[in-house]
PDB file of N, CA and C in Angstrom:
ATOM      1  N   MET A   1    -111.005-129.075   0.923  1.00  0.00           N
ATOM      2  CA  MET A   1    -111.328-130.366   1.613  1.00  0.00           C
ATOM      3  C   MET A   1    -113.119-130.360   1.495  1.00  0.00           C
ATOM      4  N   TRP A   2    -113.580-129.789   2.132  1.00  0.00           N
ATOM      5  CA  TRP A   2    -114.883-129.573   1.882  1.00  0.00           C
ATOM      6  C   TRP A   2    -115.095-129.944   0.703  1.00  0.00           C
ATOM      7  N   VAL A   3    -115.116-129.132  -0.401  1.00  0.00           N
ATOM      8  CA  VAL A   3    -115.202-129.461  -1.993  1.00  0.00           C
ATOM      9  C   VAL A   3    -115.156-130.981  -2.082  1.00  0.00           C
ATOM     10  N   LEU A   4    -113.941-131.265  -1.661  1.00  0.00           N
ATOM     11  CA  LEU A   4    -113.715-133.024  -2.234  1.00  0.00           C
ATOM     12  C   LEU A   4    -114.584-133.960  -1.177  1.00  0.00           C
ATOM     13  N   VAL A   5    -114.921-133.534   0.046  1.00  0.00           N
ATOM     14  CA  VAL A   5    -115.555-134.524   0.513  1.00  0.00           C
ATOM     15  C   VAL A   5    -117.124-134.126   0.084  1.00  0.00           C
ATOM     16  N   LYS A   6    -117.707-133.019  -0.164  1.00  0.00           N
ATOM     17  CA  LYS A   6    -119.137-133.128  -1.050  1.00  0.00           C
ATOM     18  C   LYS A   6    -119.333-133.713  -1.914  1.00  0.00           C
ATOM     19  N   SER A   7    -117.923-133.524  -2.860  1.00  0.00           N
ATOM     20  CA  SER A   7    -118.120-134.016  -4.406  1.00  0.00           C
ATOM     21  C   SER A   7    -117.931-135.523  -4.842  1.00  0.00           C
ATOM     22  N   TYR A   8    -117.257-136.173  -3.804  1.00  0.00           N
ATOM     23  CA  TYR A   8    -117.129-137.492  -4.052  1.00  0.00           C
ATOM     24  C   TYR A   8    -117.854-138.341  -2.747  1.00  0.00           C
ATOM     25  N   PRO A   9    -118.058-139.720  -3.236  1.00  0.00           N
ATOM     26  CA  PRO A   9    -118.644-140.661  -2.134  1.00  0.00           C
ATOM     27  C   PRO A   9    -117.483-140.929  -1.321  1.00  0.00           C
ATOM     28  N   ALA A  10    -118.145-141.537   0.216  1.00  0.00           N
ATOM     29  CA  ALA A  10    -117.066-141.625   1.205  1.00  0.00           C
ATOM     30  C   ALA A  10    -116.071-143.231   0.726  1.00  0.00           C
ATOM     31  N   SER A  11    -117.001-144.087  -0.261  1.00  0.00           N
ATOM     32  CA  SER A  11    -116.324-145.411  -0.745  1.00  0.00           C
ATOM     33  C   SER A  11    -114.986-144.880  -1.582  1.00  0.00           C
ATOM     34  N   LYS A  12    -115.476-143.709  -2.472  1.00  0.00           N
ATOM     35  CA  LYS A  12    -114.321-143.466  -3.362  1.00  0.00           C
ATOM     36  C   LYS A  12    -112.965-142.981  -2.616  1.00  0.00           C
ATOM     37  N   LEU A  13    -113.567-142.083  -1.358  1.00  0.00           N
ATOM     38  CA  LEU A  13    -112.479-141.403  -0.846  1.00  0.00           C
ATOM     39  C   LEU A  13    -111.593-142.387  -0.165  1.00  0.00           C
ATOM     40  N   SER A  14    -112.296-143.513   0.084  1.00  0.00           N
ATOM     41  CA  SER A  14    -111.464-144.241   1.390  1.00  0.00           C
ATOM     42  C   SER A  14    -110.954-145.436   0.509  1.00  0.00           C
ATOM     43  N   ASN A  15    -111.107-145.789  -0.426  1.00  0.00           N
ATOM     44  CA  ASN A  15    -109.838-146.516  -1.380  1.00  0.00           C
ATOM     45  C   ASN A  15    -109.115-145.424  -2.382  1.00  0.00           C
ATOM     46  N   LEU A  16    -108.681-144.252  -1.836  1.00  0.00           N
ATOM     47  CA  LEU A  16    -107.973-143.517  -2.347  1.00  0.00           C
ATOM     48  C   LEU A  16    -106.497-143.953  -2.147  1.00  0.00           C
ATOM     49  N   LYS A  17    -105.915-144.299  -3.276  1.00  0.00           N
ATOM     50  CA  LYS A  17    -104.251-144.300  -3.245  1.00  0.00           C
ATOM     51  C   LYS A  17    -103.354-143.137  -3.656  1.00  0.00           C
ATOM     52  N   VAL A  18    -102.706-142.634  -3.296  1.00  0.00           N
ATOM     53  CA  VAL A  18    -101.833-141.811  -4.074  1.00  0.00           C
ATOM     54  C   VAL A  18    -100.343-142.567  -4.280  1.00  0.00           C
ATOM     55  N   ARG A  19    -100.120-142.664  -5.635  1.00  0.00           N
ATOM     56  CA  ARG A  19     -98.477-142.853  -6.031  1.00  0.00           C
ATOM     57  C   ARG A  19     -97.690-142.001  -5.506  1.00  0.00           C
ATOM     58  N   GLY A  20     -96.672-141.923  -5.107  1.00  0.00           N
ATOM     59  CA  GLY A  20     -95.534-140.875  -4.853  1.00  0.00           C
ATOM     60  C   GLY A  20     -93.928-141.794  -4.661  1.00  0.00           C
ATOM     61  N   GLY A  21     -93.127-140.823  -4.393  1.00  0.00           N
ATOM     62  CA  GLY A  21     -91.608-141.240  -4.582  1.00  0.00           C
ATOM     63  C   GLY A  21     -91.546-142.437  -3.398  1.00  0.00           C
ATOM     64  N   LYS A  22     -92.262-142.435  -2.447  1.00  0.00           N
ATOM     65  CA  LYS A  22     -92.248-143.754  -1.369  1.00  0.00           C
ATOM     66  C   LYS A  22     -93.122-144.840  -1.536  1.00  0.00           C
ATOM     67  N   GLY A  23     -93.513-144.781  -2.853  1.00  0.00           N
ATOM     68  CA  GLY A  23     -94.689-145.690  -3.243  1.00  0.00           C
ATOM     69  C   GLY A  23     -96.071-145.607  -3.090  1.00  0.00           C
ATOM     70  N   GLU A  24     -97.231-146.203  -2.861  1.00  0.00           N
ATOM     71  CA  GLU A  24     -98.689-145.640  -2.254  1.00  0.00           C
ATOM     72  C   GLU A  24     -98.996-145.320  -1.502  1.00  0.00           C
ATOM     73  N   ARG A  25     -99.577-144.520  -1.278  1.00  0.00           N
ATOM     74  CA  ARG A  25    -100.115-144.093   0.355  1.00  0.00           C
ATOM     75  C   ARG A  25    -101.200-144.077  -0.079  1.00  0.00           C
ATOM     76  N   GLY A  26    -102.312-144.146   1.494  1.00  0.00           N
ATOM     77  CA  GLY A  26    -103.778-144.097   1.682  1.00  0.00           C
ATOM     78  C   GLY A  26    -104.530-142.581   1.696  1.00  0.00           C
ATOM     79  N   LEU A  27    -105.769-142.884   2.327  1.00  0.00           N
ATOM     80  CA  LEU A  27    -106.035-141.311   2.613  1.00  0.00           C
ATOM     81  C   LEU A  27    -105.815-140.951   3.640  1.00  0.00           C
ATOM     82  N   ARG A  28    -105.462-141.980   4.430  1.00  0.00           N
ATOM     83  CA  ARG A  28    -104.943-141.056   5.983  1.00  0.00           C
ATOM     84  C   ARG A  28    -103.652-140.323   5.861  1.00  0.00           C
ATOM     85  N   GLU A  29    -102.821-141.076   5.411  1.00  0.00           N
ATOM     86  CA  GLU A  29    -101.506-140.064   4.836  1.00  0.00           C
ATOM     87  C   GLU A  29    -101.546-139.035   4.301  1.00  0.00           C
ATOM     88  N   VAL A  30    -102.724-138.790   3.115  1.00  0.00           N
ATOM     89  CA  VAL A  30    -102.930-137.873   2.221  1.00  0.00           C
ATOM     90  C   VAL A  30    -103.485-136.742   3.089  1.00  0.00           C
ATOM     91  N   ILE A  31    -104.223-137.185   4.206  1.00  0.00           N
ATOM     92  CA  ILE A  31    -104.893-136.411   4.958  1.00  0.00           C
ATOM     93  C   ILE A  31    -103.861-135.559   5.749  1.00  0.00           C
ATOM     94  N   GLU A  32    -102.928-136.611   6.450  1.00  0.00           N
ATOM     95  CA  GLU A  32    -102.259-135.903   7.376  1.00  0.00           C
ATOM     96  C   GLU A  32    -101.194-135.003   6.637  1.00  0.00           C
ATOM     97  N   ALA A  33    -100.760-135.506   5.585  1.00  0.00           N
ATOM     98  CA  ALA A  33     -99.820-134.627   4.845  1.00  0.00           C
ATOM     99  C   ALA A  33    -100.618-133.039   4.439  1.00  0.00           C
ATOM    100  N   LEU A  34    -101.943-132.892   4.232  1.00  0.00           N
ATOM    101  CA  LEU A  34    -102.742-132.002   4.351  1.00  0.00           C
ATOM    102  C   LEU A  34    -102.656-131.356   5.408  1.00  0.00           C
ATOM    103  N   ARG A  35    -103.149-131.976   6.553  1.00  0.00           N
ATOM    104  CA  ARG A  35    -102.955-131.189   7.753  1.00  0.00           C
ATOM    105  C   ARG A  35    -101.827-130.320   8.241  1.00  0.00           C
ATOM    106  N   VAL A  36    -100.666-131.144   7.785  1.00  0.00           N
ATOM    107  CA  VAL A  36     -99.269-130.350   8.484  1.00  0.00           C
ATOM    108  C   VAL A  36     -99.081-129.067   7.533  1.00  0.00           C
ATOM    109  N   TYR A  37     -99.346-129.241   5.745  1.00  0.00           N
ATOM    110  CA  TYR A  37     -99.584-128.307   4.878  1.00  0.00           C
ATOM    111  C   TYR A  37    -100.094-127.016   5.386  1.00  0.00           C
ATOM    112  N   THR A  38    -101.538-127.415   5.673  1.00  0.00           N
ATOM    113  CA  THR A  38    -102.071-126.385   5.950  1.00  0.00           C
ATOM    114  C   THR A  38    -101.837-125.618   7.363  1.00  0.00           C
ATOM    115  N   GLU A  39    -101.510-125.972   8.188  1.00  0.00           N
ATOM    116  CA  GLU A  39    -101.181-125.586   9.396  1.00  0.00           C
ATOM    117  C   GLU A  39     -99.571-124.691   9.433  1.00  0.00           C
ATOM    118  N   ARG A  40     -99.162-125.220   8.471  1.00  0.00           N
ATOM    119  CA  ARG A  40     -97.679-124.249   8.493  1.00  0.00           C
ATOM    120  C   ARG A  40     -98.224-123.706   7.773  1.00  0.00           C
ATOM    121  N   HIS A  41     -98.648-123.111   6.875  1.00  0.00           N
ATOM    122  CA  HIS A  41     -98.799-122.099   6.091  1.00  0.00           C
ATOM    123  C   HIS A  41     -99.962-121.246   6.739  1.00  0.00           C
ATOM    124  N   TYR A  42    -101.095-121.632   7.426  1.00  0.00           N
ATOM    125  CA  TYR A  42    -101.743-120.804   8.981  1.00  0.00           C
ATOM    126  C   TYR A  42    -101.175-120.106   9.599  1.00  0.00           C
ATOM    127  N   LYS A  43     -99.651-120.728  10.125  1.00  0.00           N
ATOM    128  CA  LYS A  43     -98.677-119.972  10.971  1.00  0.00           C
ATOM    129  C   LYS A  43     -98.289-118.851  10.386  1.00  0.00           C
ATOM    130  N   ARG A  44     -97.675-119.405   8.905  1.00  0.00           N
ATOM    131  CA  ARG A  44     -97.168-118.049   8.173  1.00  0.00           C
ATOM    132  C   ARG A  44     -98.122-116.509   8.356  1.00  0.00           C
ATOM    133  N   MET A  45     -99.379-117.364   7.911  1.00  0.00           N
ATOM    134  CA  MET A  45    -100.397-116.029   7.536  1.00  0.00           C
ATOM    135  C   MET A  45    -100.517-115.102   8.700  1.00  0.00           C
ATOM    136  N   GLU A  46    -100.524-115.955  10.150  1.00  0.00           N
ATOM    137  CA  GLU A  46    -100.705-115.121  11.298  1.00  0.00           C
ATOM    138  C   GLU A  46     -99.440-113.991  11.249  1.00  0.00           C
ATOM    139  N   GLU A  47     -98.072-114.797  11.117  1.00  0.00           N
ATOM    140  CA  GLU A  47     -96.737-114.247  11.079  1.00  0.00           C
ATOM    141  C   GLU A  47     -97.249-112.845  10.588  1.00  0.00           C
ATOM    142  N   LEU A  48     -97.399-112.970   9.030  1.00  0.00           N
ATOM    143  CA  LEU A  48     -97.884-111.789   8.321  1.00  0.00           C
ATOM    144  C   LEU A  48     -98.838-110.860   8.797  1.00  0.00           C
ATOM    145  N   ILE A  49     -99.668-111.196   9.325  1.00  0.00           N
ATOM    146  CA  ILE A  49    -100.841-110.354   9.975  1.00  0.00           C
ATOM    147  C   ILE A  49    -100.191-109.518  10.719  1.00  0.00           C
ATOM    148  N   ASP A  50     -99.123-110.198  11.941  1.00  0.00           N
ATOM    149  CA  ASP A  50     -98.761-109.555  13.008  1.00  0.00           C
ATOM    150  C   ASP A  50     -97.821-108.745  12.628  1.00  0.00           C
ATOM    151  N   GLU A  51     -96.920-108.876  11.422  1.00  0.00           N
ATOM    152  CA  GLU A  51     -95.974-107.993  10.771  1.00  0.00           C
ATOM    153  C   GLU A  51     -96.899-106.423  10.364  1.00  0.00           C
ATOM    154  N   SER A  52     -97.984-107.040   9.540  1.00  0.00           N
ATOM    155  CA  SER A  52     -98.497-105.936   9.044  1.00  0.00           C
ATOM    156  C   SER A  52     -98.960-104.874  10.136  1.00  0.00           C
ATOM    157  N   TYR A  53     -99.407-105.571  11.324  1.00  0.00           N
ATOM    158  CA  TYR A  53     -99.898-104.431  12.436  1.00  0.00           C
ATOM    159  C   TYR A  53     -98.501-103.594  12.754  1.00  0.00           C
ATOM    160  N   LEU A  54     -97.343-104.210  13.057  1.00  0.00           N
ATOM    161  CA  LEU A  54     -96.110-103.060  12.779  1.00  0.00           C
ATOM    162  C   LEU A  54     -96.383-102.459  11.735  1.00  0.00           C
ATOM    163  N   VAL A  55     -96.181-102.615  11.073  1.00  0.00           N
ATOM    164  CA  VAL A  55     -96.197-101.342   9.859  1.00  0.00           C
ATOM    165  C   VAL A  55     -96.983-100.568   9.808  1.00  0.00           C
ATOM    166  N   GLU A  56     -98.537-101.179  10.228  1.00  0.00           N
ATOM    167  CA  GLU A  56     -99.392 -99.916  10.395  1.00  0.00           C
ATOM    168  C   GLU A  56     -99.167 -99.161  11.430  1.00  0.00           C
ATOM    169  N   TYR A  57     -98.734 -99.512  12.496  1.00  0.00           N
ATOM    170  CA  TYR A  57     -98.377 -98.822  13.976  1.00  0.00           C
ATOM    171  C   TYR A  57     -97.150 -97.895  13.876  1.00  0.00           C
ATOM    172  N   THR A  58     -96.724 -98.226  12.980  1.00  0.00           N
ATOM    173  CA  THR A  58     -95.393 -97.040  12.126  1.00  0.00           C
ATOM    174  C   THR A  58     -95.690 -96.381  11.144  1.00  0.00           C
ATOM    175  N   LEU A  59     -96.657 -96.011  10.542  1.00  0.00           N
ATOM    176  CA  LEU A  59     -96.851 -95.565   9.461  1.00  0.00           C
ATOM    177  C   LEU A  59     -97.870 -94.375  10.428  1.00  0.00           C
ATOM    178  N   ARG A  60     -98.737 -94.676  11.198  1.00  0.00           N
ATOM    179  CA  ARG A  60     -99.280 -94.259  11.911  1.00  0.00           C
ATOM    180  C   ARG A  60     -98.756 -93.061  13.381  1.00  0.00           C
ATOM    181  N   GLU A  61     -97.555 -93.615  13.535  1.00  0.00           N
ATOM    182  CA  GLU A  61     -96.670 -93.205  14.361  1.00  0.00           C
ATOM    183  C   GLU A  61     -95.950 -91.809  13.548  1.00  0.00           C
ATOM    184  N   MET A  62     -95.817 -91.860  12.467  1.00  0.00           N
ATOM    185  CA  MET A  62     -95.210 -91.325  11.779  1.00  0.00           C
ATOM    186  C   MET A  62     -95.793 -90.119  11.294  1.00  0.00           C
ATOM    187  N   ASP A  63     -97.241 -90.533  10.770  1.00  0.00           N
ATOM    188  CA  ASP A  63     -98.041 -89.308  10.660  1.00  0.00           C
ATOM    189  C   ASP A  63     -98.241 -88.634  11.739  1.00  0.00           C
ATOM    190  N   GLY A  64     -98.235 -88.958  12.825  1.00  0.00           N
ATOM    191  CA  GLY A  64     -98.357 -87.900  14.147  1.00  0.00           C
ATOM    192  C   GLY A  64     -97.454 -87.413  13.877  1.00  0.00           C
ATOM    193  N   LEU A  65     -96.081 -87.727  14.048  1.00  0.00           N
ATOM    194  CA  LEU A  65     -94.850 -86.596  13.626  1.00  0.00           C
ATOM    195  C   LEU A  65     -95.313 -85.784  12.574  1.00  0.00           C
ATOM    196  N   ALA A  66     -95.764 -85.957  11.592  1.00  0.00           N
ATOM    197  CA  ALA A  66     -95.756 -84.770  10.401  1.00  0.00           C
ATOM    198  C   ALA A  66     -96.855 -83.787  10.787  1.00  0.00           C
ATOM    199  N   LEU A  67     -97.713 -84.178  11.649  1.00  0.00           N
ATOM    200  CA  LEU A  67     -98.673 -83.251  11.822  1.00  0.00           C
ATOM    201  C   LEU A  67     -98.467 -82.052  13.161  1.00  0.00           C
ATOM    202  N   LEU A  68     -97.439 -81.715  13.396  1.00  0.00           N
ATOM    203  CA  LEU A  68     -96.921 -80.360  14.379  1.00  0.00           C
ATOM    204  C   LEU A  68     -97.699 -79.414  14.419  1.00  0.00           C
ATOM    205  N   ASP A  69     -98.296 -78.330  15.324  1.00  0.00           N
ATOM    206  CA  ASP A  69     -98.855 -77.582  15.197  1.00  0.00           C
ATOM    207  C   ASP A  69     -97.911 -76.396  14.292  1.00  0.00           C
ATOM    208  N   ASP A  70     -98.414 -75.299  14.277  1.00  0.00           N
ATOM    209  CA  ASP A  70     -97.603 -74.185  13.534  1.00  0.00           C
ATOM    210  C   ASP A  70     -96.650 -73.734  14.769  1.00  0.00           C
ATOM    211  N   ASP A  71     -97.036 -73.653  15.767  1.00  0.00           N
ATOM    212  CA  ASP A  71     -96.176 -73.361  16.925  1.00  0.00           C
ATOM    213  C   ASP A  71     -95.172 -74.043  16.900  1.00  0.00           C
ATOM    214  N   GLU A  72     -95.224 -75.224  16.690  1.00  0.00           N
ATOM    215  CA  GLU A  72     -94.220 -76.158  16.983  1.00  0.00           C
ATOM    216  C   GLU A  72     -93.267 -76.577  15.589  1.00  0.00           C
ATOM    217  N   GLU A  73     -93.700 -75.833  14.591  1.00  0.00           N
ATOM    218  CA  GLU A  73     -92.858 -75.923  13.461  1.00  0.00           C
ATOM    219  C   GLU A  73     -91.422 -75.346  13.397  1.00  0.00           C
ATOM    220  N   VAL A  74     -90.497 -75.820  13.089  1.00  0.00           N
ATOM    221  CA  VAL A  74     -89.112 -75.386  12.845  1.00  0.00           C
ATOM    222  C   VAL A  74     -88.795 -74.995  11.353  1.00  0.00           C
ATOM    223  N   ASN A  75     -88.001 -73.534  11.576  1.00  0.00           N
ATOM    224  CA  ASN A  75     -88.025 -73.366  10.191  1.00  0.00           C
ATOM    225  C   ASN A  75     -86.273 -73.538   9.832  1.00  0.00           C
ATOM    226  N   LYS A  76     -85.998 -74.541   9.080  1.00  0.00           N
ATOM    227  CA  LYS A  76     -84.791 -74.885   8.253  1.00  0.00           C
ATOM    228  C   LYS A  76     -83.903 -74.088   8.498  1.00  0.00           C
ATOM    229  N   SER A  77     -83.888 -72.858   8.088  1.00  0.00           N
ATOM    230  CA  SER A  77     -83.120 -71.519   7.970  1.00  0.00           C
ATOM    231  C   SER A  77     -82.537 -71.287   9.285  1.00  0.00           C
ATOM    232  N   ASP A  78     -83.302 -71.414  10.311  1.00  0.00           N
ATOM    233  CA  ASP A  78     -83.201 -71.122  11.572  1.00  0.00           C
ATOM    234  C   ASP A  78     -81.814 -71.969  12.114  1.00  0.00           C
ATOM    235  N   LEU A  79     -82.034 -72.870  11.517  1.00  0.00           N
ATOM    236  CA  LEU A  79     -80.924 -74.182  12.539  1.00  0.00           C
ATOM    237  C   LEU A  79     -79.417 -74.006  11.725  1.00  0.00           C
ATOM    238  N   ASN A  80     -78.606 -74.081  13.006  1.00  0.00           N
ATOM    239  CA  ASN A  80     -77.330 -73.643  12.371  1.00  0.00           C
ATOM    240  C   ASN A  80     -76.711 -74.998  12.790  1.00  0.00           C
ATOM    241  N   SER A  81     -75.654 -75.619  11.799  1.00  0.00           N
ATOM    242  CA  SER A  81     -74.823 -76.803  11.341  1.00  0.00           C
ATOM    243  C   SER A  81     -73.982 -77.405  12.418  1.00  0.00           C
ATOM    244  N   GLU A  82     -74.276 -76.420  13.736  1.00  0.00           N
ATOM    245  CA  GLU A  82     -73.213 -76.703  14.867  1.00  0.00           C
ATOM    246  C   GLU A  82     -74.430 -76.964  15.826  1.00  0.00           C
ATOM    247  N   GLN A  83     -76.000 -76.813  15.901  1.00  0.00           N
ATOM    248  CA  GLN A  83     -76.527 -77.182  16.820  1.00  0.00           C
ATOM    249  C   GLN A  83     -77.155 -78.677  16.438  1.00  0.00           C
ATOM    250  N   ASP A  84     -77.667 -79.088  17.550  1.00  0.00           N
ATOM    251  CA  ASP A  84     -77.678 -80.437  17.822  1.00  0.00           C
ATOM    252  C   ASP A  84     -79.351 -80.428  17.394  1.00  0.00           C
ATOM    253  N   THR A  85     -79.970 -81.495  16.937  1.00  0.00           N
ATOM    254  CA  THR A  85     -81.027 -81.962  16.351  1.00  0.00           C
ATOM    255  C   THR A  85     -81.596 -83.134  17.154  1.00  0.00           C
ATOM    256  N   ILE A  86     -83.065 -82.578  17.573  1.00  0.00           N
ATOM    257  CA  ILE A  86     -83.352 -83.197  18.502  1.00  0.00           C
ATOM    258  C   ILE A  86     -85.159 -84.154  17.871  1.00  0.00           C
ATOM    259  N   MET A  87     -84.642 -85.474  17.631  1.00  0.00           N
ATOM    260  CA  MET A  87     -85.806 -85.963  17.014  1.00  0.00           C
ATOM    261  C   MET A  87     -86.886 -86.870  17.904  1.00  0.00           C
ATOM    262  N   VAL A  88     -88.058 -86.318  17.632  1.00  0.00           N
ATOM    263  CA  VAL A  88     -88.952 -87.190  18.869  1.00  0.00           C
ATOM    264  C   VAL A  88     -89.675 -88.099  18.343  1.00  0.00           C
TER     265      VAL A  88
END
């Protein structure tokens, strides 16, 4: 939007008409459509960022489980198929 406003004089933008399926639309309708479009995609971007935090948290927790001390490591050959396995 900034590039458009800086590139064209206000008189040209104020006379803007866009032809579409429902006839011509003026600058106000075009800007409103761009605002709605931008808000929708900005919200989607925020949701993706939130989801990325969940993935990051999960991976960090999984790394913590993989870093067991030598004292806590369990030898798989010592496990009996009848024993319960406890996952932390």
